[in-house]
PDB file of N, CA and C in Angstrom:
ATOM      1  N   UNK A   1      -1.305 -15.015  13.913  1.00  0.00           N
ATOM      2  CA  UNK A   1       0.057 -14.530  13.760  1.00  0.00           C
ATOM      3  C   UNK A   1       0.040 -13.131  13.135  1.00  0.00           C
ATOM      4  N   UNK A   2       0.735 -12.228  13.761  1.00  0.00           N
ATOM      5  CA  UNK A   2       0.776 -10.846  13.274  1.00  0.00           C
ATOM      6  C   UNK A   2       1.623 -10.760  12.012  1.00  0.00           C
ATOM      7  N   UNK A   3       1.176  -9.935  11.108  1.00  0.00           N
ATOM      8  CA  UNK A   3       1.899  -9.723   9.852  1.00  0.00           C
ATOM      9  C   UNK A   3       2.702  -8.442   9.984  1.00  0.00           C
ATOM     10  N   UNK A   4       4.013  -8.545   9.992  1.00  0.00           N
ATOM     11  CA  UNK A   4       4.853  -7.360  10.197  1.00  0.00           C
ATOM     12  C   UNK A   4       5.247  -6.672   8.893  1.00  0.00           C
ATOM     13  N   UNK A   5       4.694  -7.105   7.774  1.00  0.00           N
ATOM     14  CA  UNK A   5       5.045  -6.467   6.496  1.00  0.00           C
ATOM     15  C   UNK A   5       4.663  -4.994   6.477  1.00  0.00           C
ATOM     16  N   UNK A   6       3.559  -4.635   7.140  1.00  0.00           N
ATOM     17  CA  UNK A   6       3.168  -3.222   7.164  1.00  0.00           C
ATOM     18  C   UNK A   6       4.192  -2.378   7.919  1.00  0.00           C
ATOM     19  N   UNK A   7       4.667  -2.896   9.025  1.00  0.00           N
ATOM     20  CA  UNK A   7       5.670  -2.172   9.801  1.00  0.00           C
ATOM     21  C   UNK A   7       6.981  -2.040   9.015  1.00  0.00           C
ATOM     22  N   UNK A   8       7.353  -3.108   8.321  1.00  0.00           N
ATOM     23  CA  UNK A   8       8.569  -3.066   7.491  1.00  0.00           C
ATOM     24  C   UNK A   8       8.407  -2.026   6.385  1.00  0.00           C
ATOM     25  N   UNK A   9       7.256  -2.040   5.711  1.00  0.00           N
ATOM     26  CA  UNK A   9       7.005  -1.076   4.634  1.00  0.00           C
ATOM     27  C   UNK A   9       6.996   0.347   5.170  1.00  0.00           C
ATOM     28  N   UNK A  10       6.387   0.551   6.319  1.00  0.00           N
ATOM     29  CA  UNK A  10       6.338   1.878   6.932  1.00  0.00           C
ATOM     30  C   UNK A  10       7.756   2.384   7.217  1.00  0.00           C
ATOM     31  N   UNK A  11       8.595   1.515   7.758  1.00  0.00           N
ATOM     32  CA  UNK A  11       9.985   1.904   8.044  1.00  0.00           C
ATOM     33  C   UNK A  11      10.773   2.176   6.770  1.00  0.00           C
ATOM     34  N   UNK A  12      10.526   1.396   5.735  1.00  0.00           N
ATOM     35  CA  UNK A  12      11.191   1.653   4.451  1.00  0.00           C
ATOM     36  C   UNK A  12      10.786   3.003   3.890  1.00  0.00           C
ATOM     37  N   UNK A  13       9.496   3.333   3.986  1.00  0.00           N
ATOM     38  CA  UNK A  13       9.031   4.638   3.512  1.00  0.00           C
ATOM     39  C   UNK A  13       9.710   5.769   4.272  1.00  0.00           C
ATOM     40  N   UNK A  14       9.855   5.621   5.568  1.00  0.00           N
ATOM     41  CA  UNK A  14      10.513   6.651   6.375  1.00  0.00           C
ATOM     42  C   UNK A  14      11.958   6.868   5.931  1.00  0.00           C
ATOM     43  N   UNK A  15      12.588   5.795   5.439  1.00  0.00           N
ATOM     44  CA  UNK A  15      13.985   5.884   4.993  1.00  0.00           C
ATOM     45  C   UNK A  15      14.096   6.230   3.509  1.00  0.00           C
ATOM     46  N   UNK A  16      12.957   6.475   2.851  1.00  0.00           N
ATOM     47  CA  UNK A  16      12.984   6.871   1.449  1.00  0.00           C
ATOM     48  C   UNK A  16      13.113   5.719   0.470  1.00  0.00           C
ATOM     49  N   UNK A  17      12.940   4.502   0.923  1.00  0.00           N
ATOM     50  CA  UNK A  17      13.046   3.322   0.055  1.00  0.00           C
ATOM     51  C   UNK A  17      11.654   2.961  -0.465  1.00  0.00           C
ATOM     52  N   UNK A  18      11.170   3.802  -1.353  1.00  0.00           N
ATOM     53  CA  UNK A  18       9.794   3.727  -1.831  1.00  0.00           C
ATOM     54  C   UNK A  18       9.532   2.462  -2.647  1.00  0.00           C
ATOM     55  N   UNK A  19      10.420   2.130  -3.558  1.00  0.00           N
ATOM     56  CA  UNK A  19      10.203   0.956  -4.409  1.00  0.00           C
ATOM     57  C   UNK A  19      10.156  -0.330  -3.593  1.00  0.00           C
ATOM     58  N   UNK A  20      11.023  -0.427  -2.608  1.00  0.00           N
ATOM     59  CA  UNK A  20      11.043  -1.616  -1.761  1.00  0.00           C
ATOM     60  C   UNK A  20       9.750  -1.724  -0.953  1.00  0.00           C
ATOM     61  N   UNK A  21       9.306  -0.590  -0.419  1.00  0.00           N
ATOM     62  CA  UNK A  21       8.056  -0.570   0.348  1.00  0.00           C
ATOM     63  C   UNK A  21       6.874  -0.947  -0.537  1.00  0.00           C
ATOM     64  N   UNK A  22       6.864  -0.430  -1.761  1.00  0.00           N
ATOM     65  CA  UNK A  22       5.764  -0.721  -2.688  1.00  0.00           C
ATOM     66  C   UNK A  22       5.679  -2.218  -2.976  1.00  0.00           C
ATOM     67  N   UNK A  23       6.813  -2.854  -3.189  1.00  0.00           N
ATOM     68  CA  UNK A  23       6.814  -4.290  -3.473  1.00  0.00           C
ATOM     69  C   UNK A  23       6.231  -5.090  -2.311  1.00  0.00           C
ATOM     70  N   UNK A  24       6.619  -4.747  -1.109  1.00  0.00           N
ATOM     71  CA  UNK A  24       6.093  -5.437   0.071  1.00  0.00           C
ATOM     72  C   UNK A  24       4.590  -5.221   0.187  1.00  0.00           C
ATOM     73  N   UNK A  25       4.165  -3.993  -0.015  1.00  0.00           N
ATOM     74  CA  UNK A  25       2.747  -3.673   0.127  1.00  0.00           C
ATOM     75  C   UNK A  25       1.897  -4.330  -0.960  1.00  0.00           C
ATOM     76  N   UNK A  26       2.425  -4.445  -2.164  1.00  0.00           N
ATOM     77  CA  UNK A  26       1.672  -5.118  -3.228  1.00  0.00           C
ATOM     78  C   UNK A  26       1.394  -6.569  -2.854  1.00  0.00           C
ATOM     79  N   UNK A  27       2.391  -7.249  -2.313  1.00  0.00           N
ATOM     80  CA  UNK A  27       2.180  -8.622  -1.867  1.00  0.00           C
ATOM     81  C   UNK A  27       1.186  -8.700  -0.726  1.00  0.00           C
ATOM     82  N   UNK A  28       1.305  -7.778   0.215  1.00  0.00           N
ATOM     83  CA  UNK A  28       0.391  -7.747   1.357  1.00  0.00           C
ATOM     84  C   UNK A  28      -1.044  -7.521   0.906  1.00  0.00           C
ATOM     85  N   UNK A  29      -1.237  -6.549   0.008  1.00  0.00           N
ATOM     86  CA  UNK A  29      -2.589  -6.185  -0.408  1.00  0.00           C
ATOM     87  C   UNK A  29      -3.248  -7.249  -1.290  1.00  0.00           C
ATOM     88  N   UNK A  30      -2.472  -8.061  -1.954  1.00  0.00           N
ATOM     89  CA  UNK A  30      -3.049  -9.171  -2.717  1.00  0.00           C
ATOM     90  C   UNK A  30      -3.754 -10.145  -1.777  1.00  0.00           C
ATOM     91  N   UNK A  31      -3.232 -10.254  -0.567  1.00  0.00           N
ATOM     92  CA  UNK A  31      -3.797 -11.164   0.429  1.00  0.00           C
ATOM     93  C   UNK A  31      -4.800 -10.481   1.357  1.00  0.00           C
ATOM     94  N   UNK A  32      -4.755  -9.162   1.441  1.00  0.00           N
ATOM     95  CA  UNK A  32      -5.570  -8.399   2.392  1.00  0.00           C
ATOM     96  C   UNK A  32      -6.194  -7.197   1.700  1.00  0.00           C
ATOM     97  N   UNK A  33      -7.067  -7.443   0.761  1.00  0.00           N
ATOM     98  CA  UNK A  33      -7.606  -6.365  -0.083  1.00  0.00           C
ATOM     99  C   UNK A  33      -8.399  -5.309   0.673  1.00  0.00           C
ATOM    100  N   UNK A  34      -8.938  -5.646   1.817  1.00  0.00           N
ATOM    101  CA  UNK A  34      -9.768  -4.694   2.557  1.00  0.00           C
ATOM    102  C   UNK A  34      -8.996  -3.944   3.638  1.00  0.00           C
ATOM    103  N   UNK A  35      -7.697  -4.075   3.681  1.00  0.00           N
ATOM    104  CA  UNK A  35      -6.890  -3.467   4.741  1.00  0.00           C
ATOM    105  C   UNK A  35      -6.608  -2.002   4.412  1.00  0.00           C
ATOM    106  N   UNK A  36      -7.387  -1.121   5.004  1.00  0.00           N
ATOM    107  CA  UNK A  36      -7.320   0.306   4.686  1.00  0.00           C
ATOM    108  C   UNK A  36      -5.943   0.912   4.966  1.00  0.00           C
ATOM    109  N   UNK A  37      -5.352   0.580   6.097  1.00  0.00           N
ATOM    110  CA  UNK A  37      -4.041   1.144   6.420  1.00  0.00           C
ATOM    111  C   UNK A  37      -2.985   0.694   5.404  1.00  0.00           C
ATOM    112  N   UNK A  38      -3.088  -0.546   4.959  1.00  0.00           N
ATOM    113  CA  UNK A  38      -2.181  -1.034   3.927  1.00  0.00           C
ATOM    114  C   UNK A  38      -2.310  -0.219   2.641  1.00  0.00           C
ATOM    115  N   UNK A  39      -3.550   0.088   2.281  1.00  0.00           N
ATOM    116  CA  UNK A  39      -3.781   0.904   1.087  1.00  0.00           C
ATOM    117  C   UNK A  39      -3.259   2.322   1.281  1.00  0.00           C
ATOM    118  N   UNK A  40      -3.406   2.852   2.493  1.00  0.00           N
ATOM    119  CA  UNK A  40      -2.894   4.204   2.750  1.00  0.00           C
ATOM    120  C   UNK A  40      -1.379   4.241   2.586  1.00  0.00           C
ATOM    121  N   UNK A  41      -0.707   3.240   3.146  1.00  0.00           N
ATOM    122  CA  UNK A  41       0.751   3.183   2.977  1.00  0.00           C
ATOM    123  C   UNK A  41       1.114   3.018   1.506  1.00  0.00           C
ATOM    124  N   UNK A  42       0.369   2.166   0.802  1.00  0.00           N
ATOM    125  CA  UNK A  42       0.647   1.948  -0.616  1.00  0.00           C
ATOM    126  C   UNK A  42       0.482   3.246  -1.409  1.00  0.00           C
ATOM    127  N   UNK A  43      -0.549   4.009  -1.098  1.00  0.00           N
ATOM    128  CA  UNK A  43      -0.754   5.289  -1.786  1.00  0.00           C
ATOM    129  C   UNK A  43       0.422   6.231  -1.559  1.00  0.00           C
ATOM    130  N   UNK A  44       1.051   6.146  -0.390  1.00  0.00           N
ATOM    131  CA  UNK A  44       2.206   6.997  -0.089  1.00  0.00           C
ATOM    132  C   UNK A  44       3.415   6.650  -0.950  1.00  0.00           C
ATOM    133  N   UNK A  45       3.419   5.479  -1.575  1.00  0.00           N
ATOM    134  CA  UNK A  45       4.560   5.105  -2.416  1.00  0.00           C
ATOM    135  C   UNK A  45       4.504   5.764  -3.786  1.00  0.00           C
ATOM    136  N   UNK A  46       3.438   6.469  -4.062  1.00  0.00           N
ATOM    137  CA  UNK A  46       3.285   7.164  -5.341  1.00  0.00           C
ATOM    138  C   UNK A  46       3.409   8.661  -5.094  1.00  0.00           C
ATOM    139  N   UNK A  47       4.109   9.363  -5.968  1.00  0.00           N
ATOM    140  CA  UNK A  47       4.405  10.773  -5.716  1.00  0.00           C
ATOM    141  C   UNK A  47       3.310  11.731  -6.181  1.00  0.00           C
ATOM    142  N   UNK A  48       2.615  11.411  -7.252  1.00  0.00           N
ATOM    143  CA  UNK A  48       1.639  12.380  -7.768  1.00  0.00           C
ATOM    144  C   UNK A  48       0.253  12.154  -7.169  1.00  0.00           C
ATOM    145  N   UNK A  49      -0.480  13.234  -7.083  1.00  0.00           N
ATOM    146  CA  UNK A  49      -1.858  13.166  -6.579  1.00  0.00           C
ATOM    147  C   UNK A  49      -2.692  12.271  -7.487  1.00  0.00           C
ATOM    148  N   UNK A  50      -2.469  12.354  -8.773  1.00  0.00           N
ATOM    149  CA  UNK A  50      -3.220  11.531  -9.729  1.00  0.00           C
ATOM    150  C   UNK A  50      -2.986  10.038  -9.482  1.00  0.00           C
ATOM    151  N   UNK A  51      -1.740   9.665  -9.245  1.00  0.00           N
ATOM    152  CA  UNK A  51      -1.446   8.261  -8.952  1.00  0.00           C
ATOM    153  C   UNK A  51      -2.089   7.819  -7.640  1.00  0.00           C
ATOM    154  N   UNK A  52      -2.074   8.692  -6.646  1.00  0.00           N
ATOM    155  CA  UNK A  52      -2.710   8.365  -5.366  1.00  0.00           C
ATOM    156  C   UNK A  52      -4.212   8.153  -5.562  1.00  0.00           C
ATOM    157  N   UNK A  53      -4.829   8.975  -6.380  1.00  0.00           N
ATOM    158  CA  UNK A  53      -6.260   8.804  -6.681  1.00  0.00           C
ATOM    159  C   UNK A  53      -6.516   7.473  -7.373  1.00  0.00           C
ATOM    160  N   UNK A  54      -5.630   7.100  -8.275  1.00  0.00           N
ATOM    161  CA  UNK A  54      -5.779   5.815  -8.954  1.00  0.00           C
ATOM    162  C   UNK A  54      -5.709   4.662  -7.966  1.00  0.00           C
ATOM    163  N   UNK A  55      -4.811   4.761  -6.994  1.00  0.00           N
ATOM    164  CA  UNK A  55      -4.693   3.714  -5.973  1.00  0.00           C
ATOM    165  C   UNK A  55      -6.007   3.576  -5.223  1.00  0.00           C
ATOM    166  N   UNK A  56      -6.560   4.691  -4.768  1.00  0.00           N
ATOM    167  CA  UNK A  56      -7.811   4.617  -4.003  1.00  0.00           C
ATOM    168  C   UNK A  56      -8.970   4.159  -4.877  1.00  0.00           C
ATOM    169  N   UNK A  57      -8.974   4.539  -6.150  1.00  0.00           N
ATOM    170  CA  UNK A  57     -10.004   4.060  -7.063  1.00  0.00           C
ATOM    171  C   UNK A  57      -9.897   2.565  -7.287  1.00  0.00           C
ATOM    172  N   UNK A  58      -8.678   2.077  -7.422  1.00  0.00           N
ATOM    173  CA  UNK A  58      -8.445   0.649  -7.596  1.00  0.00           C
ATOM    174  C   UNK A  58      -8.914  -0.110  -6.362  1.00  0.00           C
ATOM    175  N   UNK A  59      -8.616   0.442  -5.189  1.00  0.00           N
ATOM    176  CA  UNK A  59      -9.048  -0.196  -3.937  1.00  0.00           C
ATOM    177  C   UNK A  59     -10.570  -0.304  -3.912  1.00  0.00           C
ATOM    178  N   UNK A  60     -11.252   0.763  -4.247  1.00  0.00           N
ATOM    179  CA  UNK A  60     -12.716   0.748  -4.236  1.00  0.00           C
ATOM    180  C   UNK A  60     -13.247  -0.308  -5.216  1.00  0.00           C
ATOM    181  N   UNK A  61     -12.655  -0.393  -6.387  1.00  0.00           N
ATOM    182  CA  UNK A  61     -13.100  -1.383  -7.365  1.00  0.00           C
ATOM    183  C   UNK A  61     -12.898  -2.805  -6.859  1.00  0.00           C
ATOM    184  N   UNK A  62     -11.795  -3.061  -6.184  1.00  0.00           N
ATOM    185  CA  UNK A  62     -11.504  -4.400  -5.660  1.00  0.00           C
ATOM    186  C   UNK A  62     -12.471  -4.772  -4.543  1.00  0.00           C
ATOM    187  N   UNK A  63     -12.854  -3.803  -3.732  1.00  0.00           N
ATOM    188  CA  UNK A  63     -13.724  -4.091  -2.589  1.00  0.00           C
ATOM    189  C   UNK A  63     -15.179  -4.321  -2.998  1.00  0.00           C
ATOM    190  N   UNK A  64     -15.619  -3.611  -4.008  1.00  0.00           N
ATOM    191  CA  UNK A  64     -17.040  -3.632  -4.337  1.00  0.00           C
ATOM    192  C   UNK A  64     -17.389  -4.460  -5.557  1.00  0.00           C
ATOM    193  N   UNK A  65     -16.469  -5.289  -6.001  1.00  0.00           N
ATOM    194  CA  UNK A  65     -16.766  -6.175  -7.134  1.00  0.00           C
ATOM    195  C   UNK A  65     -17.366  -7.458  -6.642  1.00  0.00           C
TER     196      UNK A  65
END
């Protein structure tokens, strides 16, 4: 069964509903930690470069533990 949460989050981001998209993506990523596109969308929910780096660092830590 296809998971449409990524598509929903992507559409929310396009409409500027960042907090709503982030909530959906957090739930998705808890179940799909290795999903790179999900992490990319999640990183887009943060405005600063530093926060985006933290997201990617967190992803790396989750994958390689």
